[in-house]
């Protein structure tokens, strides 16, 4: 199984995040999708008064960033809650 994991490493770039770091921010240009390989994140949006609204808690196997496909920019923030490893899929 380890050989297969090493082969996948050659095809996909990984992005490591520490707690509190953002995978992307609201309004940031959409360039890639992310698959959570390890760790926990939260995605948030803000209402008209600036209050934070939690949208989801992505974890291993979940897809992030699809909110940016239609408008070419992200509509939410994705924040790491723990040490995270994201697989970057260029779009």
C-alpha atoms as a PDB file:
ATOM      1  CA  UNK A   1       0.000   0.000   0.000  1.00  0.00           C
ATOM      2  CA  UNK A   2       2.904   2.389   0.658  1.00  0.00           C
ATOM      3  CA  UNK A   3       4.027   2.255  -2.990  1.00  0.00           C
ATOM      4  CA  UNK A   4       0.586   3.417  -4.080  1.00  0.00           C
ATOM      5  CA  UNK A   5       0.702   6.325  -1.590  1.00  0.00           C
ATOM      6  CA  UNK A   6       4.099   7.405  -2.959  1.00  0.00           C
ATOM      7  CA  UNK A   7       2.727   7.305  -6.505  1.00  0.00           C
ATOM      8  CA  UNK A   8      -0.158   9.595  -5.530  1.00  0.00           C
ATOM      9  CA  UNK A   9       2.325  12.026  -3.962  1.00  0.00           C
ATOM     10  CA  UNK A  10       3.883  12.489  -7.408  1.00  0.00           C
ATOM     11  CA  UNK A  11       0.574  13.551  -8.979  1.00  0.00           C
ATOM     12  CA  UNK A  12      -0.915  15.866  -6.374  1.00  0.00           C
ATOM     13  CA  UNK A  13       0.517  18.754  -4.418  1.00  0.00           C
ATOM     14  CA  UNK A  14      -0.217  18.780  -0.694  1.00  0.00           C
ATOM     15  CA  UNK A  15      -0.741  21.876   1.391  1.00  0.00           C
ATOM     16  CA  UNK A  16      -0.070  21.751   5.141  1.00  0.00           C
ATOM     17  CA  UNK A  17      -1.968  24.079   7.473  1.00  0.00           C
ATOM     18  CA  UNK A  18      -1.495  24.811  11.163  1.00  0.00           C
ATOM     19  CA  UNK A  19      -4.473  25.642  13.414  1.00  0.00           C
ATOM     20  CA  UNK A  20      -5.759  29.128  12.595  1.00  0.00           C
ATOM     21  CA  UNK A  21      -4.390  29.223   9.030  1.00  0.00           C
ATOM     22  CA  UNK A  22      -6.757  29.710   6.092  1.00  0.00           C
ATOM     23  CA  UNK A  23      -6.984  27.422   3.079  1.00  0.00           C
ATOM     24  CA  UNK A  24      -8.727  30.334   1.316  1.00  0.00           C
ATOM     25  CA  UNK A  25     -10.576  33.541   2.214  1.00  0.00           C
ATOM     26  CA  UNK A  26     -13.861  35.117   1.155  1.00  0.00           C
ATOM     27  CA  UNK A  27     -13.359  36.928  -2.132  1.00  0.00           C
ATOM     28  CA  UNK A  28     -10.088  35.163  -2.956  1.00  0.00           C
ATOM     29  CA  UNK A  29      -9.737  34.142  -6.604  1.00  0.00           C
ATOM     30  CA  UNK A  30     -10.792  30.538  -7.238  1.00  0.00           C
ATOM     31  CA  UNK A  31      -7.862  28.459  -8.506  1.00  0.00           C
ATOM     32  CA  UNK A  32      -8.203  24.970  -7.013  1.00  0.00           C
ATOM     33  CA  UNK A  33     -10.328  22.458  -5.161  1.00  0.00           C
ATOM     34  CA  UNK A  34      -9.046  20.803  -1.990  1.00  0.00           C
ATOM     35  CA  UNK A  35      -9.575  17.354  -0.520  1.00  0.00           C
ATOM     36  CA  UNK A  36      -8.976  17.030   3.205  1.00  0.00           C
ATOM     37  CA  UNK A  37      -6.367  14.299   3.673  1.00  0.00           C
ATOM     38  CA  UNK A  38      -5.951  14.842   7.436  1.00  0.00           C
ATOM     39  CA  UNK A  39      -7.257  17.240  10.072  1.00  0.00           C
ATOM     40  CA  UNK A  40     -10.365  19.315  10.677  1.00  0.00           C
ATOM     41  CA  UNK A  41     -11.450  22.691   9.295  1.00  0.00           C
ATOM     42  CA  UNK A  42     -14.457  24.949   9.456  1.00  0.00           C
ATOM     43  CA  UNK A  43     -15.972  26.984   6.656  1.00  0.00           C
ATOM     44  CA  UNK A  44     -17.682  30.231   7.552  1.00  0.00           C
ATOM     45  CA  UNK A  45     -19.635  33.020   5.903  1.00  0.00           C
ATOM     46  CA  UNK A  46     -20.532  36.407   7.351  1.00  0.00           C
ATOM     47  CA  UNK A  47     -23.990  37.975   7.439  1.00  0.00           C
ATOM     48  CA  UNK A  48     -24.728  41.615   6.607  1.00  0.00           C
ATOM     49  CA  UNK A  49     -23.966  42.645  10.196  1.00  0.00           C
ATOM     50  CA  UNK A  50     -20.563  40.917  10.172  1.00  0.00           C
ATOM     51  CA  UNK A  51     -21.579  37.965  12.333  1.00  0.00           C
ATOM     52  CA  UNK A  52     -19.807  34.687  11.605  1.00  0.00           C
ATOM     53  CA  UNK A  53     -22.007  31.814  10.407  1.00  0.00           C
ATOM     54  CA  UNK A  54     -20.454  28.344  10.398  1.00  0.00           C
ATOM     55  CA  UNK A  55     -21.318  26.512   7.171  1.00  0.00           C
ATOM     56  CA  UNK A  56     -19.537  23.172   7.688  1.00  0.00           C
ATOM     57  CA  UNK A  57     -16.803  21.243   9.479  1.00  0.00           C
ATOM     58  CA  UNK A  58     -14.868  19.447   6.712  1.00  0.00           C
ATOM     59  CA  UNK A  59     -12.777  16.421   7.691  1.00  0.00           C
ATOM     60  CA  UNK A  60     -10.856  13.605   5.971  1.00  0.00           C
ATOM     61  CA  UNK A  61     -12.287  12.855   2.539  1.00  0.00           C
ATOM     62  CA  UNK A  62     -14.341  16.053   2.234  1.00  0.00           C
ATOM     63  CA  UNK A  63     -14.081  18.428  -0.735  1.00  0.00           C
ATOM     64  CA  UNK A  64     -13.422  22.146  -0.169  1.00  0.00           C
ATOM     65  CA  UNK A  65     -13.542  25.141  -2.466  1.00  0.00           C
ATOM     66  CA  UNK A  66     -16.456  24.291  -4.724  1.00  0.00           C
ATOM     67  CA  UNK A  67     -18.143  27.539  -3.641  1.00  0.00           C
ATOM     68  CA  UNK A  68     -15.752  29.373  -5.971  1.00  0.00           C
ATOM     69  CA  UNK A  69     -16.492  27.534  -9.200  1.00  0.00           C
ATOM     70  CA  UNK A  70     -19.473  29.578 -10.391  1.00  0.00           C
ATOM     71  CA  UNK A  71     -18.369  33.114  -9.443  1.00  0.00           C
ATOM     72  CA  UNK A  72     -14.585  32.641  -9.886  1.00  0.00           C
ATOM     73  CA  UNK A  73     -14.007  33.665  -6.253  1.00  0.00           C
ATOM     74  CA  UNK A  74     -14.688  32.027  -2.887  1.00  0.00           C
ATOM     75  CA  UNK A  75     -17.888  32.859  -1.002  1.00  0.00           C
ATOM     76  CA  UNK A  76     -16.602  31.513   2.332  1.00  0.00           C
ATOM     77  CA  UNK A  77     -13.504  31.254   4.532  1.00  0.00           C
ATOM     78  CA  UNK A  78     -11.915  27.851   5.225  1.00  0.00           C
ATOM     79  CA  UNK A  79     -10.024  27.838   8.525  1.00  0.00           C
ATOM     80  CA  UNK A  80      -7.916  24.982   9.956  1.00  0.00           C
ATOM     81  CA  UNK A  81      -8.980  23.838  13.431  1.00  0.00           C
ATOM     82  CA  UNK A  82      -6.090  21.364  13.734  1.00  0.00           C
ATOM     83  CA  UNK A  83      -2.955  20.437  11.799  1.00  0.00           C
ATOM     84  CA  UNK A  84      -4.261  19.732   8.302  1.00  0.00           C
ATOM     85  CA  UNK A  85      -3.042  18.168   5.085  1.00  0.00           C
ATOM     86  CA  UNK A  86      -4.977  19.220   1.994  1.00  0.00           C
ATOM     87  CA  UNK A  87      -4.632  17.665  -1.450  1.00  0.00           C
ATOM     88  CA  UNK A  88      -4.645  20.471  -4.029  1.00  0.00           C
ATOM     89  CA  UNK A  89      -6.527  19.813  -7.275  1.00  0.00           C
ATOM     90  CA  UNK A  90      -5.848  22.660  -9.761  1.00  0.00           C
ATOM     91  CA  UNK A  91      -8.979  23.758 -11.583  1.00  0.00           C
END
